Amino acid sequence: MDNIKNSTQLLDKITELNQYYKYVTDHLLYDLDLSHSTINLIEIIGEDEMTLKQITKESRLDKSTVSRQMNALVRKSLVTKTTGSDKRFVYFKLNEQANETYKDYQTKLEDKFKNIVSGWTEEEAHMLTVLLGRLNRSMNNRMT
C-alpha cells in the first residue's frame, strides 16, 4: 500500500463506511431512546459489578462524565447502585432491564446488517470479515 492514491481511496472508503455505520446506529439508538454512551457503558459493565473508578478506567473517560452518565442510568432504572460495606466505594451493576435493552439493540442492529448484506454471497461476507479483522489487527499493532 505504498501508493498514495490507493491509501487515499482506502481512507475515503473507511470514512464513508464509518458515516453509514454511524447513520444506522444513530437512527436505531434514537428509535430505542438510547445513546451511544448508554450502550458503551452497558458493554463495559457486562455481567460485572464495578466501581466508578473501574468504569472510568475502562471507558477512558473522565470521572465526572462517567459519574453523570452512571447516575442517568440509575435514574432510567438500567443500573443498580449499592454502597460497599465500608462506605468508601459505590458499586454499579446492570439489572435485567439493561440486559434486555442491550439484547434488543444488538438484535435490531444485527437484523439491519443482515438486510444490508442480504444480496451478498457467503464468500463475500466472509471475505469482508477477514479483511476487516486484518485491518483492525494492523491498526492495533501500529497503535501499540
N, C-alpha and C. Protein backbone atom coordinates (compact mmCIF):
# COMPACT_ATOMS: atom_id res chain seq x y z
N MET A 1 0.83 -1.19 0.00
CA MET A 1 0.00 0.00 0.00
C MET A 1 0.87 1.25 0.00
N ASP A 2 1.93 1.26 -0.75
CA ASP A 2 2.81 2.43 -0.79
C ASP A 2 2.24 3.53 -1.67
N ASN A 3 1.36 3.17 -2.53
CA ASN A 3 0.80 4.13 -3.45
C ASN A 3 -0.13 5.08 -2.70
N ILE A 4 0.17 6.39 -2.77
CA ILE A 4 -0.63 7.40 -2.06
C ILE A 4 -2.07 7.41 -2.55
N LYS A 5 -2.28 7.23 -3.83
CA LYS A 5 -3.63 7.23 -4.38
C LYS A 5 -4.45 6.09 -3.78
N ASN A 6 -3.87 4.88 -3.68
CA ASN A 6 -4.57 3.74 -3.09
C ASN A 6 -4.88 3.99 -1.63
N SER A 7 -3.93 4.60 -0.91
CA SER A 7 -4.15 4.90 0.51
C SER A 7 -5.28 5.90 0.67
N THR A 8 -5.30 6.91 -0.17
CA THR A 8 -6.35 7.92 -0.12
C THR A 8 -7.71 7.30 -0.42
N GLN A 9 -7.77 6.43 -1.43
CA GLN A 9 -9.03 5.77 -1.76
C GLN A 9 -9.50 4.88 -0.61
N LEU A 10 -8.57 4.18 0.01
CA LEU A 10 -8.92 3.32 1.14
C LEU A 10 -9.44 4.16 2.30
N LEU A 11 -8.77 5.26 2.62
CA LEU A 11 -9.23 6.15 3.69
C LEU A 11 -10.60 6.73 3.38
N ASP A 12 -10.83 7.07 2.12
CA ASP A 12 -12.14 7.59 1.72
C ASP A 12 -13.23 6.54 1.95
N LYS A 13 -12.95 5.28 1.61
CA LYS A 13 -13.93 4.21 1.79
C LYS A 13 -14.18 3.92 3.28
N ILE A 14 -13.12 3.98 4.08
CA ILE A 14 -13.29 3.78 5.52
C ILE A 14 -14.12 4.90 6.12
N THR A 15 -13.86 6.12 5.70
CA THR A 15 -14.64 7.27 6.17
C THR A 15 -16.10 7.13 5.77
N GLU A 16 -16.33 6.73 4.54
CA GLU A 16 -17.70 6.53 4.05
C GLU A 16 -18.40 5.43 4.84
N LEU A 17 -17.71 4.31 5.08
CA LEU A 17 -18.28 3.22 5.88
C LEU A 17 -18.61 3.70 7.29
N ASN A 18 -17.72 4.45 7.88
CA ASN A 18 -17.94 4.98 9.22
C ASN A 18 -19.18 5.88 9.25
N GLN A 19 -19.36 6.69 8.24
CA GLN A 19 -20.52 7.58 8.19
C GLN A 19 -21.82 6.77 8.06
N TYR A 20 -21.81 5.75 7.21
CA TYR A 20 -23.01 4.90 7.06
C TYR A 20 -23.30 4.15 8.36
N TYR A 21 -22.27 3.61 8.99
CA TYR A 21 -22.45 2.89 10.24
C TYR A 21 -23.02 3.81 11.31
N LYS A 22 -22.48 5.01 11.40
CA LYS A 22 -22.97 5.98 12.37
C LYS A 22 -24.43 6.33 12.10
N TYR A 23 -24.78 6.50 10.84
CA TYR A 23 -26.16 6.81 10.47
C TYR A 23 -27.10 5.68 10.93
N VAL A 24 -26.72 4.45 10.65
CA VAL A 24 -27.56 3.30 11.03
C VAL A 24 -27.70 3.22 12.54
N THR A 25 -26.57 3.31 13.26
CA THR A 25 -26.63 3.18 14.72
C THR A 25 -27.33 4.38 15.36
N ASP A 26 -27.10 5.57 14.86
CA ASP A 26 -27.77 6.76 15.40
C ASP A 26 -29.29 6.62 15.31
N HIS A 27 -29.79 6.17 14.16
CA HIS A 27 -31.23 6.02 13.98
C HIS A 27 -31.79 4.90 14.85
N LEU A 28 -31.05 3.82 14.97
CA LEU A 28 -31.50 2.73 15.81
C LEU A 28 -31.55 3.16 17.28
N LEU A 29 -30.52 3.85 17.73
CA LEU A 29 -30.49 4.33 19.12
C LEU A 29 -31.62 5.33 19.37
N TYR A 30 -31.88 6.19 18.40
CA TYR A 30 -32.98 7.15 18.52
C TYR A 30 -34.31 6.41 18.67
N ASP A 31 -34.52 5.40 17.81
CA ASP A 31 -35.77 4.62 17.86
C ASP A 31 -35.95 3.92 19.21
N LEU A 32 -34.84 3.52 19.83
CA LEU A 32 -34.89 2.81 21.10
C LEU A 32 -34.75 3.74 22.30
N ASP A 33 -34.65 5.03 22.04
CA ASP A 33 -34.46 6.04 23.09
C ASP A 33 -33.22 5.74 23.94
N LEU A 34 -32.12 5.46 23.23
CA LEU A 34 -30.84 5.18 23.88
C LEU A 34 -29.79 6.13 23.35
N SER A 35 -28.60 6.08 23.96
CA SER A 35 -27.48 6.88 23.47
C SER A 35 -26.27 5.97 23.29
N HIS A 36 -25.29 6.48 22.55
CA HIS A 36 -24.04 5.72 22.37
C HIS A 36 -23.38 5.47 23.73
N SER A 37 -23.41 6.46 24.61
CA SER A 37 -22.77 6.28 25.91
C SER A 37 -23.48 5.22 26.74
N THR A 38 -24.80 5.13 26.64
CA THR A 38 -25.54 4.09 27.36
C THR A 38 -25.08 2.70 26.90
N ILE A 39 -25.02 2.50 25.60
CA ILE A 39 -24.59 1.21 25.05
C ILE A 39 -23.15 0.93 25.45
N ASN A 40 -22.30 1.93 25.36
CA ASN A 40 -20.89 1.76 25.72
C ASN A 40 -20.74 1.33 27.18
N LEU A 41 -21.46 1.99 28.08
CA LEU A 41 -21.36 1.64 29.50
C LEU A 41 -21.95 0.27 29.80
N ILE A 42 -23.02 -0.07 29.12
CA ILE A 42 -23.60 -1.41 29.30
C ILE A 42 -22.59 -2.48 28.85
N GLU A 43 -21.92 -2.22 27.74
CA GLU A 43 -20.91 -3.17 27.26
C GLU A 43 -19.74 -3.28 28.23
N ILE A 44 -19.33 -2.17 28.81
CA ILE A 44 -18.21 -2.17 29.76
C ILE A 44 -18.56 -2.95 31.02
N ILE A 45 -19.71 -2.68 31.58
CA ILE A 45 -20.09 -3.32 32.84
C ILE A 45 -20.41 -4.80 32.63
N GLY A 46 -21.15 -5.11 31.58
CA GLY A 46 -21.47 -6.50 31.30
C GLY A 46 -22.09 -7.20 32.49
N GLU A 47 -21.57 -8.33 32.86
CA GLU A 47 -22.10 -9.12 33.98
C GLU A 47 -21.43 -8.74 35.30
N ASP A 48 -20.47 -7.83 35.25
CA ASP A 48 -19.69 -7.48 36.44
C ASP A 48 -20.42 -6.47 37.33
N GLU A 49 -19.91 -6.35 38.53
CA GLU A 49 -20.28 -5.26 39.43
C GLU A 49 -19.02 -4.41 39.51
N MET A 50 -19.14 -3.13 39.16
CA MET A 50 -17.95 -2.31 39.03
C MET A 50 -18.06 -1.01 39.81
N THR A 51 -16.91 -0.50 40.23
CA THR A 51 -16.85 0.80 40.88
C THR A 51 -16.75 1.88 39.80
N LEU A 52 -16.99 3.10 40.23
CA LEU A 52 -16.85 4.23 39.31
C LEU A 52 -15.43 4.31 38.77
N LYS A 53 -14.47 4.05 39.62
CA LYS A 53 -13.06 4.09 39.21
C LYS A 53 -12.78 3.04 38.12
N GLN A 54 -13.31 1.84 38.29
CA GLN A 54 -13.11 0.79 37.29
C GLN A 54 -13.76 1.16 35.95
N ILE A 55 -14.96 1.69 36.02
CA ILE A 55 -15.68 2.07 34.79
C ILE A 55 -14.94 3.21 34.11
N THR A 56 -14.45 4.17 34.90
CA THR A 56 -13.70 5.30 34.35
C THR A 56 -12.45 4.82 33.63
N LYS A 57 -11.73 3.92 34.26
CA LYS A 57 -10.50 3.39 33.66
C LYS A 57 -10.81 2.65 32.36
N GLU A 58 -11.82 1.81 32.39
CA GLU A 58 -12.18 1.00 31.22
C GLU A 58 -12.71 1.86 30.07
N SER A 59 -13.47 2.88 30.39
CA SER A 59 -14.10 3.72 29.36
C SER A 59 -13.15 4.78 28.81
N ARG A 60 -12.10 5.08 29.57
CA ARG A 60 -11.14 6.13 29.20
C ARG A 60 -11.79 7.51 29.13
N LEU A 61 -12.82 7.69 29.95
CA LEU A 61 -13.48 8.98 30.08
C LEU A 61 -13.13 9.57 31.44
N ASP A 62 -13.35 10.87 31.60
CA ASP A 62 -13.04 11.46 32.91
C ASP A 62 -14.13 11.08 33.91
N LYS A 63 -13.75 11.14 35.18
CA LYS A 63 -14.60 10.66 36.26
C LYS A 63 -15.94 11.39 36.31
N SER A 64 -15.94 12.69 36.09
CA SER A 64 -17.20 13.45 36.18
C SER A 64 -18.18 13.04 35.08
N THR A 65 -17.65 12.77 33.89
CA THR A 65 -18.51 12.33 32.78
C THR A 65 -19.12 10.98 33.09
N VAL A 66 -18.30 10.04 33.56
CA VAL A 66 -18.79 8.70 33.88
C VAL A 66 -19.80 8.77 35.03
N SER A 67 -19.51 9.57 36.04
CA SER A 67 -20.41 9.70 37.17
C SER A 67 -21.77 10.22 36.71
N ARG A 68 -21.78 11.23 35.88
CA ARG A 68 -23.03 11.80 35.36
C ARG A 68 -23.80 10.75 34.54
N GLN A 69 -23.08 10.02 33.68
CA GLN A 69 -23.74 9.02 32.84
C GLN A 69 -24.27 7.85 33.67
N MET A 70 -23.50 7.43 34.67
CA MET A 70 -23.95 6.32 35.51
C MET A 70 -25.18 6.72 36.32
N ASN A 71 -25.20 7.93 36.83
CA ASN A 71 -26.37 8.40 37.56
C ASN A 71 -27.60 8.47 36.66
N ALA A 72 -27.39 8.81 35.40
CA ALA A 72 -28.50 8.82 34.44
C ALA A 72 -29.03 7.40 34.21
N LEU A 73 -28.12 6.42 34.17
CA LEU A 73 -28.55 5.03 34.00
C LEU A 73 -29.29 4.53 35.24
N VAL A 74 -28.89 5.00 36.40
CA VAL A 74 -29.60 4.65 37.64
C VAL A 74 -31.02 5.23 37.59
N ARG A 75 -31.14 6.51 37.17
CA ARG A 75 -32.46 7.15 37.07
C ARG A 75 -33.36 6.44 36.05
N LYS A 76 -32.75 5.90 34.98
CA LYS A 76 -33.51 5.17 33.97
C LYS A 76 -33.81 3.74 34.40
N SER A 77 -33.36 3.39 35.59
CA SER A 77 -33.56 2.04 36.13
C SER A 77 -32.89 0.95 35.30
N LEU A 78 -31.74 1.28 34.72
CA LEU A 78 -30.97 0.28 33.98
C LEU A 78 -29.84 -0.29 34.82
N VAL A 79 -29.47 0.44 35.86
CA VAL A 79 -28.33 0.07 36.71
C VAL A 79 -28.73 0.21 38.16
N THR A 80 -28.26 -0.73 38.98
CA THR A 80 -28.44 -0.59 40.43
C THR A 80 -27.14 -0.07 41.01
N LYS A 81 -27.28 0.78 42.00
CA LYS A 81 -26.15 1.43 42.65
C LYS A 81 -26.19 1.03 44.12
N THR A 82 -25.12 0.40 44.60
CA THR A 82 -25.06 0.00 46.00
C THR A 82 -23.77 0.50 46.63
N THR A 83 -23.84 0.77 47.91
CA THR A 83 -22.67 1.22 48.65
C THR A 83 -22.00 0.01 49.29
N GLY A 84 -20.67 0.01 49.21
CA GLY A 84 -19.92 -1.08 49.81
C GLY A 84 -20.03 -1.07 51.32
N SER A 85 -19.59 -2.15 51.94
CA SER A 85 -19.73 -2.28 53.39
C SER A 85 -18.96 -1.21 54.16
N ASP A 86 -17.84 -0.73 53.61
CA ASP A 86 -17.07 0.30 54.31
C ASP A 86 -17.43 1.71 53.85
N LYS A 87 -18.42 1.83 53.00
CA LYS A 87 -18.97 3.11 52.53
C LYS A 87 -18.00 3.93 51.66
N ARG A 88 -16.80 3.38 51.38
CA ARG A 88 -15.86 4.12 50.55
C ARG A 88 -16.13 3.93 49.06
N PHE A 89 -16.77 2.84 48.72
CA PHE A 89 -16.99 2.53 47.31
C PHE A 89 -18.46 2.39 47.01
N VAL A 90 -18.81 2.81 45.80
CA VAL A 90 -20.15 2.61 45.28
C VAL A 90 -20.01 1.64 44.12
N TYR A 91 -20.90 0.66 44.07
CA TYR A 91 -20.84 -0.35 43.03
C TYR A 91 -22.04 -0.22 42.10
N PHE A 92 -21.77 -0.44 40.82
CA PHE A 92 -22.82 -0.39 39.81
C PHE A 92 -22.94 -1.76 39.17
N LYS A 93 -24.18 -2.17 38.96
CA LYS A 93 -24.45 -3.46 38.31
C LYS A 93 -25.66 -3.29 37.41
N LEU A 94 -25.57 -3.90 36.22
CA LEU A 94 -26.71 -3.86 35.31
C LEU A 94 -27.85 -4.68 35.87
N ASN A 95 -29.07 -4.23 35.62
CA ASN A 95 -30.22 -5.04 36.01
C ASN A 95 -30.78 -5.73 34.76
N GLU A 96 -31.82 -6.51 34.95
CA GLU A 96 -32.37 -7.29 33.85
C GLU A 96 -32.87 -6.39 32.72
N GLN A 97 -33.44 -5.23 33.06
CA GLN A 97 -33.92 -4.30 32.02
C GLN A 97 -32.77 -3.84 31.13
N ALA A 98 -31.61 -3.57 31.72
CA ALA A 98 -30.44 -3.16 30.93
C ALA A 98 -30.01 -4.29 30.01
N ASN A 99 -30.00 -5.51 30.53
CA ASN A 99 -29.63 -6.65 29.70
C ASN A 99 -30.59 -6.84 28.54
N GLU A 100 -31.88 -6.70 28.82
CA GLU A 100 -32.89 -6.83 27.76
C GLU A 100 -32.77 -5.70 26.74
N THR A 101 -32.52 -4.49 27.23
CA THR A 101 -32.35 -3.34 26.35
C THR A 101 -31.17 -3.56 25.41
N TYR A 102 -30.07 -4.05 25.97
CA TYR A 102 -28.87 -4.31 25.17
C TYR A 102 -29.11 -5.42 24.15
N LYS A 103 -29.78 -6.48 24.57
CA LYS A 103 -30.10 -7.58 23.64
C LYS A 103 -30.98 -7.08 22.51
N ASP A 104 -31.96 -6.26 22.85
CA ASP A 104 -32.85 -5.69 21.83
C ASP A 104 -32.05 -4.85 20.83
N TYR A 105 -31.15 -4.02 21.35
CA TYR A 105 -30.30 -3.20 20.48
C TYR A 105 -29.46 -4.08 19.56
N GLN A 106 -28.80 -5.08 20.14
CA GLN A 106 -27.93 -5.97 19.36
C GLN A 106 -28.72 -6.72 18.29
N THR A 107 -29.89 -7.21 18.65
CA THR A 107 -30.72 -7.96 17.70
C THR A 107 -31.15 -7.07 16.54
N LYS A 108 -31.60 -5.87 16.86
CA LYS A 108 -32.05 -4.96 15.80
C LYS A 108 -30.89 -4.49 14.92
N LEU A 109 -29.73 -4.28 15.52
CA LEU A 109 -28.55 -3.89 14.74
C LEU A 109 -28.14 -5.04 13.82
N GLU A 110 -28.15 -6.25 14.33
CA GLU A 110 -27.82 -7.42 13.53
C GLU A 110 -28.81 -7.58 12.37
N ASP A 111 -30.09 -7.40 12.65
CA ASP A 111 -31.11 -7.51 11.62
C ASP A 111 -30.89 -6.47 10.52
N LYS A 112 -30.54 -5.26 10.91
CA LYS A 112 -30.28 -4.21 9.92
C LYS A 112 -29.13 -4.60 9.00
N PHE A 113 -28.06 -5.15 9.60
CA PHE A 113 -26.90 -5.51 8.78
C PHE A 113 -27.15 -6.76 7.95
N LYS A 114 -27.97 -7.68 8.45
CA LYS A 114 -28.34 -8.83 7.64
C LYS A 114 -29.10 -8.35 6.41
N ASN A 115 -29.96 -7.35 6.60
CA ASN A 115 -30.72 -6.79 5.49
C ASN A 115 -29.78 -6.07 4.50
N ILE A 116 -28.80 -5.36 5.03
CA ILE A 116 -27.86 -4.62 4.18
C ILE A 116 -27.07 -5.57 3.28
N VAL A 117 -26.63 -6.70 3.83
CA VAL A 117 -25.79 -7.64 3.06
C VAL A 117 -26.59 -8.82 2.51
N SER A 118 -27.89 -8.68 2.47
CA SER A 118 -28.74 -9.81 2.07
C SER A 118 -28.46 -10.30 0.65
N GLY A 119 -27.96 -9.46 -0.22
CA GLY A 119 -27.67 -9.88 -1.60
C GLY A 119 -26.26 -10.42 -1.77
N TRP A 120 -25.51 -10.49 -0.71
CA TRP A 120 -24.13 -10.95 -0.78
C TRP A 120 -24.06 -12.47 -0.70
N THR A 121 -23.01 -13.00 -1.32
CA THR A 121 -22.76 -14.43 -1.16
C THR A 121 -22.08 -14.66 0.19
N GLU A 122 -22.10 -15.89 0.62
CA GLU A 122 -21.44 -16.28 1.86
C GLU A 122 -19.94 -15.95 1.78
N GLU A 123 -19.36 -16.19 0.62
CA GLU A 123 -17.93 -15.93 0.42
C GLU A 123 -17.61 -14.43 0.52
N GLU A 124 -18.46 -13.58 -0.03
CA GLU A 124 -18.24 -12.13 0.04
C GLU A 124 -18.29 -11.64 1.49
N ALA A 125 -19.28 -12.11 2.23
CA ALA A 125 -19.40 -11.72 3.63
C ALA A 125 -18.20 -12.20 4.43
N HIS A 126 -17.75 -13.42 4.17
CA HIS A 126 -16.59 -13.97 4.86
C HIS A 126 -15.33 -13.16 4.51
N MET A 127 -15.18 -12.82 3.23
CA MET A 127 -14.01 -12.06 2.80
C MET A 127 -13.95 -10.70 3.49
N LEU A 128 -15.09 -10.03 3.59
CA LEU A 128 -15.13 -8.73 4.26
C LEU A 128 -14.76 -8.90 5.74
N THR A 129 -15.28 -9.92 6.38
CA THR A 129 -14.96 -10.17 7.78
C THR A 129 -13.45 -10.38 7.96
N VAL A 130 -12.86 -11.17 7.10
CA VAL A 130 -11.42 -11.43 7.18
C VAL A 130 -10.62 -10.14 6.96
N LEU A 131 -10.98 -9.38 5.96
CA LEU A 131 -10.24 -8.15 5.65
C LEU A 131 -10.39 -7.10 6.76
N LEU A 132 -11.60 -6.97 7.31
CA LEU A 132 -11.79 -6.03 8.42
C LEU A 132 -11.01 -6.48 9.66
N GLY A 133 -10.98 -7.77 9.90
CA GLY A 133 -10.19 -8.29 11.01
C GLY A 133 -8.71 -7.99 10.82
N ARG A 134 -8.24 -8.17 9.60
CA ARG A 134 -6.84 -7.88 9.30
C ARG A 134 -6.53 -6.40 9.46
N LEU A 135 -7.44 -5.54 9.00
CA LEU A 135 -7.26 -4.10 9.15
C LEU A 135 -7.24 -3.72 10.63
N ASN A 136 -8.15 -4.28 11.42
CA ASN A 136 -8.18 -3.99 12.86
C ASN A 136 -6.89 -4.41 13.54
N ARG A 137 -6.39 -5.60 13.20
CA ARG A 137 -5.13 -6.06 13.81
C ARG A 137 -3.98 -5.16 13.41
N SER A 138 -3.92 -4.77 12.15
CA SER A 138 -2.84 -3.89 11.68
C SER A 138 -2.89 -2.54 12.38
N MET A 139 -4.09 -2.01 12.53
CA MET A 139 -4.24 -0.73 13.22
C MET A 139 -3.83 -0.86 14.68
N ASN A 140 -4.26 -1.94 15.32
CA ASN A 140 -3.92 -2.16 16.73
C ASN A 140 -2.41 -2.32 16.90
N ASN A 141 -1.77 -3.06 16.01
CA ASN A 141 -0.33 -3.27 16.09
C ASN A 141 0.45 -1.97 15.92
N ARG A 142 -0.05 -1.08 15.09
CA ARG A 142 0.64 0.20 14.84
C ARG A 142 0.40 1.20 15.96
N MET A 143 -0.68 0.99 16.72
CA MET A 143 -1.01 1.94 17.80
C MET A 143 -0.29 1.58 19.09
N THR A 144 0.14 0.34 19.24
CA THR A 144 0.78 -0.07 20.49
C THR A 144 2.29 0.00 20.42
